[in-house]
Amino acid sequence: MKKWIVINPEDLVGVALTDLPAGFAVELPDQVLILSEDIPRGHKFSLRALEAGEAVVKYGMPIGHAKVAVPAGGHVHTHNIKTG
């Protein structure tokens, strides 16, 4: 069973399909991303570092903006993004 998904190739976030622990290796086409935090099922994680104010892209569309810098592999949720 797949444990995560990237919905659109332009997305900056992946989605956990099951609870993922910090240290989990996400194998992307061009790199292996190590999650820096626990990611609950259904929540997003950053595929690369995001700068404060940067658009967060999911479904190939901006869904909001990062309120603070988010490291690659970091949990992306209401605590650090503002919906658009």
C-alpha atoms as a PDB file:
ATOM      1  CA  MET A   1       0.000   0.000   0.000  1.00  0.00           C
ATOM      2  CA  LYS A   2       1.264   3.446  -0.930  1.00  0.00           C
ATOM      3  CA  LYS A   3       1.863   5.581   2.164  1.00  0.00           C
ATOM      4  CA  TRP A   4       1.859   9.021   0.540  1.00  0.00           C
ATOM      5  CA  ILE A   5       0.855  10.770  -2.686  1.00  0.00           C
ATOM      6  CA  VAL A   6       1.722  13.830  -4.738  1.00  0.00           C
ATOM      7  CA  ILE A   7      -1.464  14.770  -6.561  1.00  0.00           C
ATOM      8  CA  ASN A   8      -0.015  17.013  -9.284  1.00  0.00           C
ATOM      9  CA  PRO A   9       3.594  17.199 -10.548  1.00  0.00           C
ATOM     10  CA  GLU A  10       3.615  20.954  -9.803  1.00  0.00           C
ATOM     11  CA  ASP A  11       2.635  20.475  -6.139  1.00  0.00           C
ATOM     12  CA  LEU A  12       4.975  21.666  -3.396  1.00  0.00           C
ATOM     13  CA  VAL A  13       3.369  19.309  -0.866  1.00  0.00           C
ATOM     14  CA  GLY A  14       2.709  15.603  -0.572  1.00  0.00           C
ATOM     15  CA  VAL A  15      -0.154  14.050   1.385  1.00  0.00           C
ATOM     16  CA  ALA A  16       0.232  11.264   3.949  1.00  0.00           C
ATOM     17  CA  LEU A  17      -2.152   8.357   3.254  1.00  0.00           C
ATOM     18  CA  THR A  18      -1.234   6.840   6.616  1.00  0.00           C
ATOM     19  CA  ASP A  19       0.499   8.220   9.714  1.00  0.00           C
ATOM     20  CA  LEU A  20       4.150   8.808   8.774  1.00  0.00           C
ATOM     21  CA  PRO A  21       6.880   9.086  11.430  1.00  0.00           C
ATOM     22  CA  ALA A  22       9.674  11.660  11.480  1.00  0.00           C
ATOM     23  CA  GLY A  23      12.622  10.131   9.649  1.00  0.00           C
ATOM     24  CA  PHE A  24      10.416   8.345   7.083  1.00  0.00           C
ATOM     25  CA  ALA A  25      12.035   8.341   3.626  1.00  0.00           C
ATOM     26  CA  VAL A  26       9.836   9.648   0.801  1.00  0.00           C
ATOM     27  CA  GLU A  27      11.294   8.523  -2.517  1.00  0.00           C
ATOM     28  CA  LEU A  28      10.705  11.238  -5.110  1.00  0.00           C
ATOM     29  CA  PRO A  29      11.796  10.987  -8.762  1.00  0.00           C
ATOM     30  CA  ASP A  30      14.861  13.188  -8.219  1.00  0.00           C
ATOM     31  CA  GLN A  31      15.623  12.772  -4.503  1.00  0.00           C
ATOM     32  CA  VAL A  32      14.896  10.996  -1.248  1.00  0.00           C
ATOM     33  CA  LEU A  33      13.143  13.337   1.191  1.00  0.00           C
ATOM     34  CA  ILE A  34      13.398  12.573   4.910  1.00  0.00           C
ATOM     35  CA  LEU A  35      10.394  13.802   6.920  1.00  0.00           C
ATOM     36  CA  SER A  36      11.490  16.135   9.701  1.00  0.00           C
ATOM     37  CA  GLU A  37       8.271  15.714  11.708  1.00  0.00           C
ATOM     38  CA  ASP A  38       5.526  13.161  12.294  1.00  0.00           C
ATOM     39  CA  ILE A  39       2.853  13.630   9.615  1.00  0.00           C
ATOM     40  CA  PRO A  40      -0.675  12.474  10.540  1.00  0.00           C
ATOM     41  CA  ARG A  41      -2.763  10.652   7.926  1.00  0.00           C
ATOM     42  CA  GLY A  42      -4.434  13.126   5.566  1.00  0.00           C
ATOM     43  CA  HIS A  43      -2.012  15.942   6.384  1.00  0.00           C
ATOM     44  CA  LYS A  44       0.497  17.570   4.062  1.00  0.00           C
ATOM     45  CA  PHE A  45       4.302  17.679   4.135  1.00  0.00           C
ATOM     46  CA  SER A  46       6.597  20.012   2.242  1.00  0.00           C
ATOM     47  CA  LEU A  47       8.463  18.525  -0.725  1.00  0.00           C
ATOM     48  CA  ARG A  48      11.077  21.286  -0.463  1.00  0.00           C
ATOM     49  CA  ALA A  49      11.822  24.196   1.840  1.00  0.00           C
ATOM     50  CA  LEU A  50       9.132  26.899   1.648  1.00  0.00           C
ATOM     51  CA  GLU A  51       9.834  30.526   2.471  1.00  0.00           C
ATOM     52  CA  ALA A  52       7.507  32.620   4.632  1.00  0.00           C
ATOM     53  CA  GLY A  53       4.914  34.186   2.331  1.00  0.00           C
ATOM     54  CA  GLU A  54       5.466  31.660  -0.471  1.00  0.00           C
ATOM     55  CA  ALA A  55       2.435  30.087  -2.141  1.00  0.00           C
ATOM     56  CA  VAL A  56       1.676  26.520  -1.059  1.00  0.00           C
ATOM     57  CA  VAL A  57       0.706  24.522  -4.159  1.00  0.00           C
ATOM     58  CA  LYS A  58      -1.563  21.446  -4.030  1.00  0.00           C
ATOM     59  CA  TYR A  59      -3.694  20.099  -6.914  1.00  0.00           C
ATOM     60  CA  GLY A  60      -1.397  22.211  -9.125  1.00  0.00           C
ATOM     61  CA  MET A  61      -2.975  25.376  -7.659  1.00  0.00           C
ATOM     62  CA  PRO A  62      -2.080  27.705  -4.779  1.00  0.00           C
ATOM     63  CA  ILE A  63      -4.097  26.744  -1.692  1.00  0.00           C
ATOM     64  CA  GLY A  64      -2.601  29.342   0.623  1.00  0.00           C
ATOM     65  CA  HIS A  65       0.648  30.919   1.794  1.00  0.00           C
ATOM     66  CA  ALA A  66       3.271  29.825   4.280  1.00  0.00           C
ATOM     67  CA  LYS A  67       2.995  31.943   7.454  1.00  0.00           C
ATOM     68  CA  VAL A  68       6.554  30.967   8.412  1.00  0.00           C
ATOM     69  CA  ALA A  69       9.427  29.153   6.720  1.00  0.00           C
ATOM     70  CA  VAL A  70       8.744  25.406   6.449  1.00  0.00           C
ATOM     71  CA  PRO A  71      11.680  23.005   6.043  1.00  0.00           C
ATOM     72  CA  ALA A  72      11.684  20.259   3.440  1.00  0.00           C
ATOM     73  CA  GLY A  73       9.839  17.318   4.963  1.00  0.00           C
ATOM     74  CA  GLY A  74       8.029  19.567   7.443  1.00  0.00           C
ATOM     75  CA  HIS A  75       4.370  19.284   8.463  1.00  0.00           C
ATOM     76  CA  VAL A  76       2.207  21.720   6.452  1.00  0.00           C
ATOM     77  CA  HIS A  77      -1.094  22.496   8.174  1.00  0.00           C
ATOM     78  CA  THR A  78      -3.101  25.340   9.716  1.00  0.00           C
ATOM     79  CA  HIS A  79      -0.327  26.147  12.204  1.00  0.00           C
ATOM     80  CA  ASN A  80       1.978  27.333   9.431  1.00  0.00           C
ATOM     81  CA  ILE A  81      -0.164  28.140   6.368  1.00  0.00           C
ATOM     82  CA  LYS A  82      -2.946  30.618   5.764  1.00  0.00           C
ATOM     83  CA  THR A  83      -5.541  29.608   3.199  1.00  0.00           C
ATOM     84  CA  GLY A  84      -5.943  31.865   0.203  1.00  0.00           C
END
